[in-house]
Protein backbone atom coordinates (compact mmCIF):
# COMPACT_ATOMS: atom_id res chain seq x y z
CA UNK A 1 0.00 0.00 0.00
CA UNK A 2 2.83 2.40 0.85
CA UNK A 3 4.47 1.63 -2.49
CA UNK A 4 1.31 2.55 -4.38
CA UNK A 5 0.96 5.82 -2.48
CA UNK A 6 4.64 6.55 -3.07
CA UNK A 7 4.21 5.96 -6.81
CA UNK A 8 1.14 8.22 -7.01
CA UNK A 9 2.91 10.95 -5.07
CA UNK A 10 5.93 10.67 -7.35
CA UNK A 11 3.62 11.04 -10.34
CA UNK A 12 2.09 14.19 -8.86
CA UNK A 13 5.56 15.61 -8.23
CA UNK A 14 6.60 14.82 -11.81
CA UNK A 15 3.52 16.61 -13.14
CA UNK A 16 4.31 19.57 -10.88
CA UNK A 17 7.86 19.76 -12.21
CA UNK A 18 6.60 19.70 -15.79
CA UNK A 19 4.14 22.52 -15.04
CA UNK A 20 6.84 24.52 -13.26
CA UNK A 21 9.24 24.26 -16.19
CA UNK A 22 6.73 24.77 -19.00
CA UNK A 23 4.17 27.01 -17.29
CA UNK A 24 3.52 29.96 -19.56
CA UNK A 25 2.60 32.28 -16.69
CA UNK A 26 3.89 32.94 -13.21
CA UNK A 27 0.54 31.88 -11.79
CA UNK A 28 1.08 28.41 -13.25
CA UNK A 29 4.46 28.30 -11.57
CA UNK A 30 3.02 29.28 -8.19
CA UNK A 31 0.50 26.45 -8.44
CA UNK A 32 3.28 24.07 -9.46
CA UNK A 33 5.30 25.05 -6.40
CA UNK A 34 2.24 24.33 -4.26
CA UNK A 35 2.00 20.90 -5.86
CA UNK A 36 5.68 20.25 -5.20
CA UNK A 37 5.40 21.26 -1.55
CA UNK A 38 2.30 19.12 -1.14
CA UNK A 39 4.12 16.18 -2.67
CA UNK A 40 7.06 16.70 -0.33
CA UNK A 41 4.73 16.78 2.68
CA UNK A 42 3.05 13.59 1.46
CA UNK A 43 6.45 11.93 1.06
CA UNK A 44 7.35 12.93 4.62
CA UNK A 45 4.08 11.47 5.89
CA UNK A 46 4.69 8.24 3.99
CA UNK A 47 8.21 8.04 5.40
CA UNK A 48 6.82 8.53 8.91
CA UNK A 49 4.31 5.74 8.39
CA UNK A 50 6.83 3.38 6.82
CA UNK A 51 9.58 3.89 9.43
CA UNK A 52 7.34 4.65 12.43
CA UNK A 53 9.48 7.70 13.26
CA UNK A 54 7.79 10.97 14.14
CA UNK A 55 10.79 13.04 13.02
CA UNK A 56 9.46 13.05 9.47
CA UNK A 57 6.24 14.69 10.63
CA UNK A 58 8.26 17.54 12.11
CA UNK A 59 9.94 17.99 8.75
CA UNK A 60 6.51 17.97 7.08
CA UNK A 61 5.30 20.75 9.40
CA UNK A 62 8.35 22.82 8.47
CA UNK A 63 7.71 22.25 4.77
CA UNK A 64 4.09 23.34 5.15
CA UNK A 65 5.17 26.59 6.82
CA UNK A 66 7.82 27.33 4.18
CA UNK A 67 5.43 26.48 1.34
CA UNK A 68 2.74 28.75 2.73
CA UNK A 69 5.11 31.70 3.10
CA UNK A 70 6.62 31.10 -0.36
CA UNK A 71 3.19 31.03 -1.97
CA UNK A 72 2.16 34.24 -0.25
CA UNK A 73 5.38 36.00 -1.23
CA UNK A 74 5.19 34.92 -4.85
CA UNK A 75 1.49 35.80 -5.13
CA UNK A 76 2.20 39.23 -3.67
CA UNK A 77 5.00 39.74 -6.20
CA UNK A 78 2.67 38.83 -9.06
CA UNK A 79 -0.06 41.10 -7.72
CA UNK A 80 2.37 44.01 -7.30
CA UNK A 81 2.37 44.63 -11.01
CA UNK A 82 4.13 41.82 -12.80
CA UNK A 83 2.24 41.00 -15.98
CA UNK A 84 2.48 37.24 -15.43
CA UNK A 85 4.02 36.42 -18.80
CA UNK A 86 7.57 35.44 -19.41
CA UNK A 87 9.70 37.99 -21.21
CA UNK A 88 7.41 40.95 -20.65
CA UNK A 89 8.32 43.88 -18.46
CA UNK A 90 5.81 45.36 -16.01
PDB file of N, CA and C in Angstrom:
ATOM      1  N   UNK A   1       0.818  -1.192   0.000  1.00  0.00           N
ATOM      2  CA  UNK A   1       0.000   0.000   0.000  1.00  0.00           C
ATOM      3  C   UNK A   1       0.865   1.262   0.000  1.00  0.00           C
ATOM      4  N   UNK A   2       1.927   1.252   0.807  1.00  0.00           N
ATOM      5  CA  UNK A   2       2.833   2.404   0.854  1.00  0.00           C
ATOM      6  C   UNK A   2       3.486   2.613  -0.513  1.00  0.00           C
ATOM      7  N   UNK A   3       3.826   1.511  -1.179  1.00  0.00           N
ATOM      8  CA  UNK A   3       4.475   1.626  -2.489  1.00  0.00           C
ATOM      9  C   UNK A   3       3.545   2.278  -3.516  1.00  0.00           C
ATOM     10  N   UNK A   4       2.269   1.952  -3.459  1.00  0.00           N
ATOM     11  CA  UNK A   4       1.306   2.554  -4.384  1.00  0.00           C
ATOM     12  C   UNK A   4       1.165   4.045  -4.109  1.00  0.00           C
ATOM     13  N   UNK A   5       1.055   4.404  -2.834  1.00  0.00           N
ATOM     14  CA  UNK A   5       0.960   5.822  -2.476  1.00  0.00           C
ATOM     15  C   UNK A   5       2.231   6.580  -2.855  1.00  0.00           C
ATOM     16  N   UNK A   6       3.369   5.942  -2.674  1.00  0.00           N
ATOM     17  CA  UNK A   6       4.639   6.555  -3.070  1.00  0.00           C
ATOM     18  C   UNK A   6       4.680   6.795  -4.580  1.00  0.00           C
ATOM     19  N   UNK A   7       4.216   5.820  -5.352  1.00  0.00           N
ATOM     20  CA  UNK A   7       4.214   5.961  -6.812  1.00  0.00           C
ATOM     21  C   UNK A   7       3.267   7.081  -7.260  1.00  0.00           C
ATOM     22  N   UNK A   8       2.092   7.161  -6.644  1.00  0.00           N
ATOM     23  CA  UNK A   8       1.144   8.218  -7.006  1.00  0.00           C
ATOM     24  C   UNK A   8       1.673   9.595  -6.620  1.00  0.00           C
ATOM     25  N   UNK A   9       2.323   9.678  -5.479  1.00  0.00           N
ATOM     26  CA  UNK A   9       2.909  10.952  -5.067  1.00  0.00           C
ATOM     27  C   UNK A   9       4.055  11.348  -5.997  1.00  0.00           C
ATOM     28  N   UNK A  10       4.848  10.387  -6.395  1.00  0.00           N
ATOM     29  CA  UNK A  10       5.933  10.668  -7.347  1.00  0.00           C
ATOM     30  C   UNK A  10       5.376  11.152  -8.677  1.00  0.00           C
ATOM     31  N   UNK A  11       4.269  10.589  -9.112  1.00  0.00           N
ATOM     32  CA  UNK A  11       3.621  11.035 -10.345  1.00  0.00           C
ATOM     33  C   UNK A  11       3.143  12.478 -10.217  1.00  0.00           C
ATOM     34  N   UNK A  12       2.544  12.816  -9.081  1.00  0.00           N
ATOM     35  CA  UNK A  12       2.089  14.191  -8.857  1.00  0.00           C
ATOM     36  C   UNK A  12       3.268  15.161  -8.846  1.00  0.00           C
ATOM     37  N   UNK A  13       4.374  14.756  -8.247  1.00  0.00           N
ATOM     38  CA  UNK A  13       5.559  15.606  -8.228  1.00  0.00           C
ATOM     39  C   UNK A  13       6.114  15.784  -9.642  1.00  0.00           C
ATOM     40  N   UNK A  14       6.123  14.722 -10.430  1.00  0.00           N
ATOM     41  CA  UNK A  14       6.599  14.824 -11.814  1.00  0.00           C
ATOM     42  C   UNK A  14       5.723  15.776 -12.630  1.00  0.00           C
ATOM     43  N   UNK A  15       4.424  15.697 -12.438  1.00  0.00           N
ATOM     44  CA  UNK A  15       3.519  16.614 -13.138  1.00  0.00           C
ATOM     45  C   UNK A  15       3.755  18.048 -12.687  1.00  0.00           C
ATOM     46  N   UNK A  16       4.002  18.232 -11.395  1.00  0.00           N
ATOM     47  CA  UNK A  16       4.306  19.569 -10.878  1.00  0.00           C
ATOM     48  C   UNK A  16       5.584  20.136 -11.462  1.00  0.00           C
ATOM     49  N   UNK A  17       6.594  19.306 -11.621  1.00  0.00           N
ATOM     50  CA  UNK A  17       7.859  19.763 -12.210  1.00  0.00           C
ATOM     51  C   UNK A  17       7.648  20.161 -13.667  1.00  0.00           C
ATOM     52  N   UNK A  18       6.877  19.365 -14.388  1.00  0.00           N
ATOM     53  CA  UNK A  18       6.597  19.699 -15.791  1.00  0.00           C
ATOM     54  C   UNK A  18       5.864  21.038 -15.885  1.00  0.00           C
ATOM     55  N   UNK A  19       4.880  21.256 -15.015  1.00  0.00           N
ATOM     56  CA  UNK A  19       4.138  22.520 -15.040  1.00  0.00           C
ATOM     57  C   UNK A  19       5.037  23.681 -14.632  1.00  0.00           C
ATOM     58  N   UNK A  20       5.938  23.459 -13.686  1.00  0.00           N
ATOM     59  CA  UNK A  20       6.842  24.520 -13.259  1.00  0.00           C
ATOM     60  C   UNK A  20       7.778  24.934 -14.394  1.00  0.00           C
ATOM     61  N   UNK A  21       8.289  23.973 -15.110  1.00  0.00           N
ATOM     62  CA  UNK A  21       9.235  24.258 -16.185  1.00  0.00           C
ATOM     63  C   UNK A  21       8.541  24.861 -17.397  1.00  0.00           C
ATOM     64  N   UNK A  22       7.381  24.337 -17.762  1.00  0.00           N
ATOM     65  CA  UNK A  22       6.734  24.774 -18.996  1.00  0.00           C
ATOM     66  C   UNK A  22       5.589  25.754 -18.792  1.00  0.00           C
ATOM     67  N   UNK A  23       5.296  26.111 -17.551  1.00  0.00           N
ATOM     68  CA  UNK A  23       4.166  27.007 -17.292  1.00  0.00           C
ATOM     69  C   UNK A  23       4.323  28.334 -18.003  1.00  0.00           C
ATOM     70  N   UNK A  24       3.358  28.716 -18.810  1.00  0.00           N
ATOM     71  CA  UNK A  24       3.524  29.964 -19.559  1.00  0.00           C
ATOM     72  C   UNK A  24       3.391  31.214 -18.691  1.00  0.00           C
ATOM     73  N   UNK A  25       2.755  31.103 -17.534  1.00  0.00           N
ATOM     74  CA  UNK A  25       2.599  32.282 -16.687  1.00  0.00           C
ATOM     75  C   UNK A  25       3.171  32.012 -15.303  1.00  0.00           C
ATOM     76  N   UNK A  26       3.380  33.086 -14.568  1.00  0.00           N
ATOM     77  CA  UNK A  26       3.885  32.941 -13.209  1.00  0.00           C
ATOM     78  C   UNK A  26       2.856  32.290 -12.296  1.00  0.00           C
ATOM     79  N   UNK A  27       1.597  32.504 -12.583  1.00  0.00           N
ATOM     80  CA  UNK A  27       0.543  31.876 -11.790  1.00  0.00           C
ATOM     81  C   UNK A  27       0.618  30.359 -11.890  1.00  0.00           C
ATOM     82  N   UNK A  28       0.899  29.847 -13.082  1.00  0.00           N
ATOM     83  CA  UNK A  28       1.084  28.405 -13.253  1.00  0.00           C
ATOM     84  C   UNK A  28       2.252  27.905 -12.414  1.00  0.00           C
ATOM     85  N   UNK A  29       3.296  28.682 -12.351  1.00  0.00           N
ATOM     86  CA  UNK A  29       4.464  28.295 -11.568  1.00  0.00           C
ATOM     87  C   UNK A  29       4.181  28.295 -10.066  1.00  0.00           C
ATOM     88  N   UNK A  30       3.388  29.246  -9.607  1.00  0.00           N
ATOM     89  CA  UNK A  30       3.019  29.275  -8.188  1.00  0.00           C
ATOM     90  C   UNK A  30       2.217  28.025  -7.835  1.00  0.00           C
ATOM     91  N   UNK A  31       1.287  27.658  -8.677  1.00  0.00           N
ATOM     92  CA  UNK A  31       0.495  26.452  -8.435  1.00  0.00           C
ATOM     93  C   UNK A  31       1.382  25.214  -8.479  1.00  0.00           C
ATOM     94  N   UNK A  32       2.353  25.203  -9.389  1.00  0.00           N
ATOM     95  CA  UNK A  32       3.277  24.073  -9.464  1.00  0.00           C
ATOM     96  C   UNK A  32       4.117  23.962  -8.192  1.00  0.00           C
ATOM     97  N   UNK A  33       4.545  25.085  -7.644  1.00  0.00           N
ATOM     98  CA  UNK A  33       5.305  25.052  -6.397  1.00  0.00           C
ATOM     99  C   UNK A  33       4.434  24.511  -5.264  1.00  0.00           C
ATOM    100  N   UNK A  34       3.164  24.884  -5.254  1.00  0.00           N
ATOM    101  CA  UNK A  34       2.241  24.330  -4.257  1.00  0.00           C
ATOM    102  C   UNK A  34       2.126  22.813  -4.401  1.00  0.00           C
ATOM    103  N   UNK A  35       2.061  22.338  -5.628  1.00  0.00           N
ATOM    104  CA  UNK A  35       1.999  20.895  -5.862  1.00  0.00           C
ATOM    105  C   UNK A  35       3.271  20.223  -5.373  1.00  0.00           C
ATOM    106  N   UNK A  36       4.416  20.835  -5.635  1.00  0.00           N
ATOM    107  CA  UNK A  36       5.685  20.251  -5.196  1.00  0.00           C
ATOM    108  C   UNK A  36       5.790  20.213  -3.675  1.00  0.00           C
ATOM    109  N   UNK A  37       5.378  21.272  -3.013  1.00  0.00           N
ATOM    110  CA  UNK A  37       5.404  21.265  -1.552  1.00  0.00           C
ATOM    111  C   UNK A  37       4.423  20.235  -0.994  1.00  0.00           C
ATOM    112  N   UNK A  38       3.266  20.118  -1.600  1.00  0.00           N
ATOM    113  CA  UNK A  38       2.296  19.121  -1.145  1.00  0.00           C
ATOM    114  C   UNK A  38       2.839  17.705  -1.330  1.00  0.00           C
ATOM    115  N   UNK A  39       3.502  17.488  -2.434  1.00  0.00           N
ATOM    116  CA  UNK A  39       4.124  16.181  -2.667  1.00  0.00           C
ATOM    117  C   UNK A  39       5.218  15.880  -1.665  1.00  0.00           C
ATOM    118  N   UNK A  40       6.000  16.899  -1.320  1.00  0.00           N
ATOM    119  CA  UNK A  40       7.060  16.699  -0.327  1.00  0.00           C
ATOM    120  C   UNK A  40       6.473  16.386   1.044  1.00  0.00           C
ATOM    121  N   UNK A  41       5.388  17.055   1.397  1.00  0.00           N
ATOM    122  CA  UNK A  41       4.727  16.778   2.677  1.00  0.00           C
ATOM    123  C   UNK A  41       4.159  15.357   2.670  1.00  0.00           C
ATOM    124  N   UNK A  42       3.576  14.953   1.557  1.00  0.00           N
ATOM    125  CA  UNK A  42       3.047  13.590   1.457  1.00  0.00           C
ATOM    126  C   UNK A  42       4.163  12.555   1.569  1.00  0.00           C
ATOM    127  N   UNK A  43       5.308  12.840   0.944  1.00  0.00           N
ATOM    128  CA  UNK A  43       6.451  11.926   1.058  1.00  0.00           C
ATOM    129  C   UNK A  43       6.931  11.822   2.508  1.00  0.00           C
ATOM    130  N   UNK A  44       6.957  12.947   3.207  1.00  0.00           N
ATOM    131  CA  UNK A  44       7.353  12.929   4.623  1.00  0.00           C
ATOM    132  C   UNK A  44       6.368  12.098   5.441  1.00  0.00           C
ATOM    133  N   UNK A  45       5.080  12.251   5.167  1.00  0.00           N
ATOM    134  CA  UNK A  45       4.077  11.469   5.890  1.00  0.00           C
ATOM    135  C   UNK A  45       4.222   9.980   5.591  1.00  0.00           C
ATOM    136  N   UNK A  46       4.477   9.643   4.344  1.00  0.00           N
ATOM    137  CA  UNK A  46       4.687   8.242   3.990  1.00  0.00           C
ATOM    138  C   UNK A  46       5.937   7.680   4.657  1.00  0.00           C
ATOM    139  N   UNK A  47       6.988   8.487   4.725  1.00  0.00           N
ATOM    140  CA  UNK A  47       8.208   8.038   5.399  1.00  0.00           C
ATOM    141  C   UNK A  47       7.952   7.822   6.890  1.00  0.00           C
ATOM    142  N   UNK A  48       7.149   8.689   7.493  1.00  0.00           N
ATOM    143  CA  UNK A  48       6.820   8.533   8.911  1.00  0.00           C
ATOM    144  C   UNK A  48       6.021   7.256   9.149  1.00  0.00           C
ATOM    145  N   UNK A  49       5.100   6.960   8.246  1.00  0.00           N
ATOM    146  CA  UNK A  49       4.306   5.741   8.390  1.00  0.00           C
ATOM    147  C   UNK A  49       5.177   4.505   8.180  1.00  0.00           C
ATOM    148  N   UNK A  50       6.021   4.545   7.160  1.00  0.00           N
ATOM    149  CA  UNK A  50       6.831   3.376   6.825  1.00  0.00           C
ATOM    150  C   UNK A  50       7.883   3.067   7.891  1.00  0.00           C
ATOM    151  N   UNK A  51       8.494   4.116   8.458  1.00  0.00           N
ATOM    152  CA  UNK A  51       9.577   3.889   9.426  1.00  0.00           C
ATOM    153  C   UNK A  51       9.121   3.991  10.875  1.00  0.00           C
ATOM    154  N   UNK A  52       7.893   4.457  11.091  1.00  0.00           N
ATOM    155  CA  UNK A  52       7.342   4.653  12.431  1.00  0.00           C
ATOM    156  C   UNK A  52       8.179   5.630  13.260  1.00  0.00           C
ATOM    157  N   UNK A  53       8.709   6.653  12.582  1.00  0.00           N
ATOM    158  CA  UNK A  53       9.477   7.701  13.258  1.00  0.00           C
ATOM    159  C   UNK A  53       8.749   9.025  13.079  1.00  0.00           C
ATOM    160  N   UNK A  54       8.539   9.717  14.165  1.00  0.00           N
ATOM    161  CA  UNK A  54       7.791  10.971  14.142  1.00  0.00           C
ATOM    162  C   UNK A  54       8.623  12.153  13.642  1.00  0.00           C
ATOM    163  N   UNK A  55       9.917  11.970  13.499  1.00  0.00           N
ATOM    164  CA  UNK A  55      10.788  13.039  13.023  1.00  0.00           C
ATOM    165  C   UNK A  55      10.343  13.551  11.655  1.00  0.00           C
ATOM    166  N   UNK A  56       9.884  12.665  10.816  1.00  0.00           N
ATOM    167  CA  UNK A  56       9.459  13.050   9.474  1.00  0.00           C
ATOM    168  C   UNK A  56       8.228  13.966   9.507  1.00  0.00           C
ATOM    169  N   UNK A  57       7.391  13.800  10.508  1.00  0.00           N
ATOM    170  CA  UNK A  57       6.236  14.686  10.630  1.00  0.00           C
ATOM    171  C   UNK A  57       6.662  16.096  11.016  1.00  0.00           C
ATOM    172  N   UNK A  58       7.726  16.216  11.802  1.00  0.00           N
ATOM    173  CA  UNK A  58       8.263  17.542  12.114  1.00  0.00           C
ATOM    174  C   UNK A  58       8.794  18.221  10.851  1.00  0.00           C
ATOM    175  N   UNK A  59       9.450  17.458  10.019  1.00  0.00           N
ATOM    176  CA  UNK A  59       9.936  17.994   8.745  1.00  0.00           C
ATOM    177  C   UNK A  59       8.760  18.424   7.877  1.00  0.00           C
ATOM    178  N   UNK A  60       7.699  17.634   7.870  1.00  0.00           N
ATOM    179  CA  UNK A  60       6.509  17.967   7.082  1.00  0.00           C
ATOM    180  C   UNK A  60       5.893  19.284   7.560  1.00  0.00           C
ATOM    181  N   UNK A  61       5.851  19.498   8.870  1.00  0.00           N
ATOM    182  CA  UNK A  61       5.300  20.751   9.397  1.00  0.00           C
ATOM    183  C   UNK A  61       6.159  21.929   8.947  1.00  0.00           C
ATOM    184  N   UNK A  62       7.467  21.771   8.958  1.00  0.00           N
ATOM    185  CA  UNK A  62       8.355  22.824   8.469  1.00  0.00           C
ATOM    186  C   UNK A  62       8.139  23.113   6.990  1.00  0.00           C
ATOM    187  N   UNK A  63       7.955  22.066   6.202  1.00  0.00           N
ATOM    188  CA  UNK A  63       7.708  22.250   4.774  1.00  0.00           C
ATOM    189  C   UNK A  63       6.388  22.970   4.516  1.00  0.00           C
ATOM    190  N   UNK A  64       5.381  22.661   5.308  1.00  0.00           N
ATOM    191  CA  UNK A  64       4.091  23.339   5.154  1.00  0.00           C
ATOM    192  C   UNK A  64       4.252  24.830   5.422  1.00  0.00           C
ATOM    193  N   UNK A  65       4.976  25.172   6.481  1.00  0.00           N
ATOM    194  CA  UNK A  65       5.171  26.588   6.815  1.00  0.00           C
ATOM    195  C   UNK A  65       5.949  27.319   5.721  1.00  0.00           C
ATOM    196  N   UNK A  66       7.017  26.708   5.231  1.00  0.00           N
ATOM    197  CA  UNK A  66       7.820  27.328   4.177  1.00  0.00           C
ATOM    198  C   UNK A  66       7.011  27.459   2.889  1.00  0.00           C
ATOM    199  N   UNK A  67       6.253  26.424   2.544  1.00  0.00           N
ATOM    200  CA  UNK A  67       5.430  26.476   1.339  1.00  0.00           C
ATOM    201  C   UNK A  67       4.370  27.556   1.402  1.00  0.00           C
ATOM    202  N   UNK A  68       3.757  27.724   2.568  1.00  0.00           N
ATOM    203  CA  UNK A  68       2.737  28.755   2.730  1.00  0.00           C
ATOM    204  C   UNK A  68       3.335  30.147   2.557  1.00  0.00           C
ATOM    205  N   UNK A  69       4.466  30.394   3.197  1.00  0.00           N
ATOM    206  CA  UNK A  69       5.112  31.699   3.096  1.00  0.00           C
ATOM    207  C   UNK A  69       5.594  31.956   1.667  1.00  0.00           C
ATOM    208  N   UNK A  70       6.143  30.937   1.022  1.00  0.00           N
ATOM    209  CA  UNK A  70       6.619  31.101  -0.357  1.00  0.00           C
ATOM    210  C   UNK A  70       5.469  31.419  -1.304  1.00  0.00           C
ATOM    211  N   UNK A  71       4.343  30.762  -1.125  1.00  0.00           N
ATOM    212  CA  UNK A  71       3.187  31.033  -1.970  1.00  0.00           C
ATOM    213  C   UNK A  71       2.674  32.451  -1.763  1.00  0.00           C
ATOM    214  N   UNK A  72       2.597  32.874  -0.522  1.00  0.00           N
ATOM    215  CA  UNK A  72       2.156  34.241  -0.247  1.00  0.00           C
ATOM    216  C   UNK A  72       3.103  35.269  -0.854  1.00  0.00           C
ATOM    217  N   UNK A  73       4.399  35.048  -0.702  1.00  0.00           N
ATOM    218  CA  UNK A  73       5.376  36.002  -1.231  1.00  0.00           C
ATOM    219  C   UNK A  73       5.304  36.077  -2.750  1.00  0.00           C
ATOM    220  N   UNK A  74       5.214  34.927  -3.393  1.00  0.00           N
ATOM    221  CA  UNK A  74       5.188  34.917  -4.852  1.00  0.00           C
ATOM    222  C   UNK A  74       3.882  35.520  -5.373  1.00  0.00           C
ATOM    223  N   UNK A  75       2.770  35.220  -4.713  1.00  0.00           N
ATOM    224  CA  UNK A  75       1.487  35.804  -5.128  1.00  0.00           C
ATOM    225  C   UNK A  75       1.498  37.319  -4.954  1.00  0.00           C
ATOM    226  N   UNK A  76       2.113  37.784  -3.891  1.00  0.00           N
ATOM    227  CA  UNK A  76       2.201  39.231  -3.673  1.00  0.00           C
ATOM    228  C   UNK A  76       3.070  39.890  -4.746  1.00  0.00           C
ATOM    229  N   UNK A  77       4.135  39.223  -5.137  1.00  0.00           N
ATOM    230  CA  UNK A  77       4.998  39.735  -6.200  1.00  0.00           C
ATOM    231  C   UNK A  77       4.235  39.837  -7.515  1.00  0.00           C
ATOM    232  N   UNK A  78       3.458  38.822  -7.821  1.00  0.00           N
ATOM    233  CA  UNK A  78       2.671  38.832  -9.057  1.00  0.00           C
ATOM    234  C   UNK A  78       1.634  39.948  -9.003  1.00  0.00           C
ATOM    235  N   UNK A  79       0.975  40.083  -7.862  1.00  0.00           N
ATOM    236  CA  UNK A  79      -0.062  41.100  -7.716  1.00  0.00           C
ATOM    237  C   UNK A  79       0.498  42.516  -7.745  1.00  0.00           C
ATOM    238  N   UNK A  80       1.754  42.684  -7.386  1.00  0.00           N
ATOM    239  CA  UNK A  80       2.366  44.006  -7.303  1.00  0.00           C
ATOM    240  C   UNK A  80       2.562  44.666  -8.661  1.00  0.00           C
ATOM    241  N   UNK A  81       2.286  43.972  -9.726  1.00  0.00           N
ATOM    242  CA  UNK A  81       2.371  44.634 -11.012  1.00  0.00           C
ATOM    243  C   UNK A  81       3.037  43.827 -12.101  1.00  0.00           C
ATOM    244  N   UNK A  82       3.518  42.656 -11.772  1.00  0.00           N
ATOM    245  CA  UNK A  82       4.125  41.824 -12.796  1.00  0.00           C
ATOM    246  C   UNK A  82       3.034  41.330 -13.728  1.00  0.00           C
ATOM    247  N   UNK A  83       3.275  41.342 -15.014  1.00  0.00           N
ATOM    248  CA  UNK A  83       2.240  41.004 -15.984  1.00  0.00           C
ATOM    249  C   UNK A  83       1.882  39.525 -15.962  1.00  0.00           C
ATOM    250  N   UNK A  84       2.779  38.668 -15.496  1.00  0.00           N
ATOM    251  CA  UNK A  84       2.480  37.243 -15.425  1.00  0.00           C
ATOM    252  C   UNK A  84       2.943  36.454 -16.633  1.00  0.00           C
ATOM    253  N   UNK A  85       3.532  37.121 -17.630  1.00  0.00           N
ATOM    254  CA  UNK A  85       4.022  36.416 -18.797  1.00  0.00           C
ATOM    255  C   UNK A  85       5.530  36.543 -18.866  1.00  0.00           C
ATOM    256  N   UNK A  86       6.119  35.481 -19.312  1.00  0.00           N
ATOM    257  CA  UNK A  86       7.572  35.439 -19.406  1.00  0.00           C
ATOM    258  C   UNK A  86       8.057  36.381 -20.506  1.00  0.00           C
ATOM    259  N   UNK A  87       9.096  37.142 -20.208  1.00  0.00           N
ATOM    260  CA  UNK A  87       9.701  37.985 -21.209  1.00  0.00           C
ATOM    261  C   UNK A  87       9.131  39.389 -21.265  1.00  0.00           C
ATOM    262  N   UNK A  88       8.010  39.624 -20.638  1.00  0.00           N
ATOM    263  CA  UNK A  88       7.414  40.955 -20.654  1.00  0.00           C
ATOM    264  C   UNK A  88       7.849  41.735 -19.414  1.00  0.00           C
ATOM    265  N   UNK A  89       7.967  43.025 -19.579  1.00  0.00           N
ATOM    266  CA  UNK A  89       8.317  43.884 -18.461  1.00  0.00           C
ATOM    267  C   UNK A  89       7.061  44.532 -17.905  1.00  0.00           C
ATOM    268  N   UNK A  90       7.004  44.755 -16.591  1.00  0.00           N
ATOM    269  CA  UNK A  90       5.809  45.363 -16.009  1.00  0.00           C
ATOM    270  C   UNK A  90       5.568  46.776 -16.481  1.00  0.00           C
TER     271      UNK A  90
END
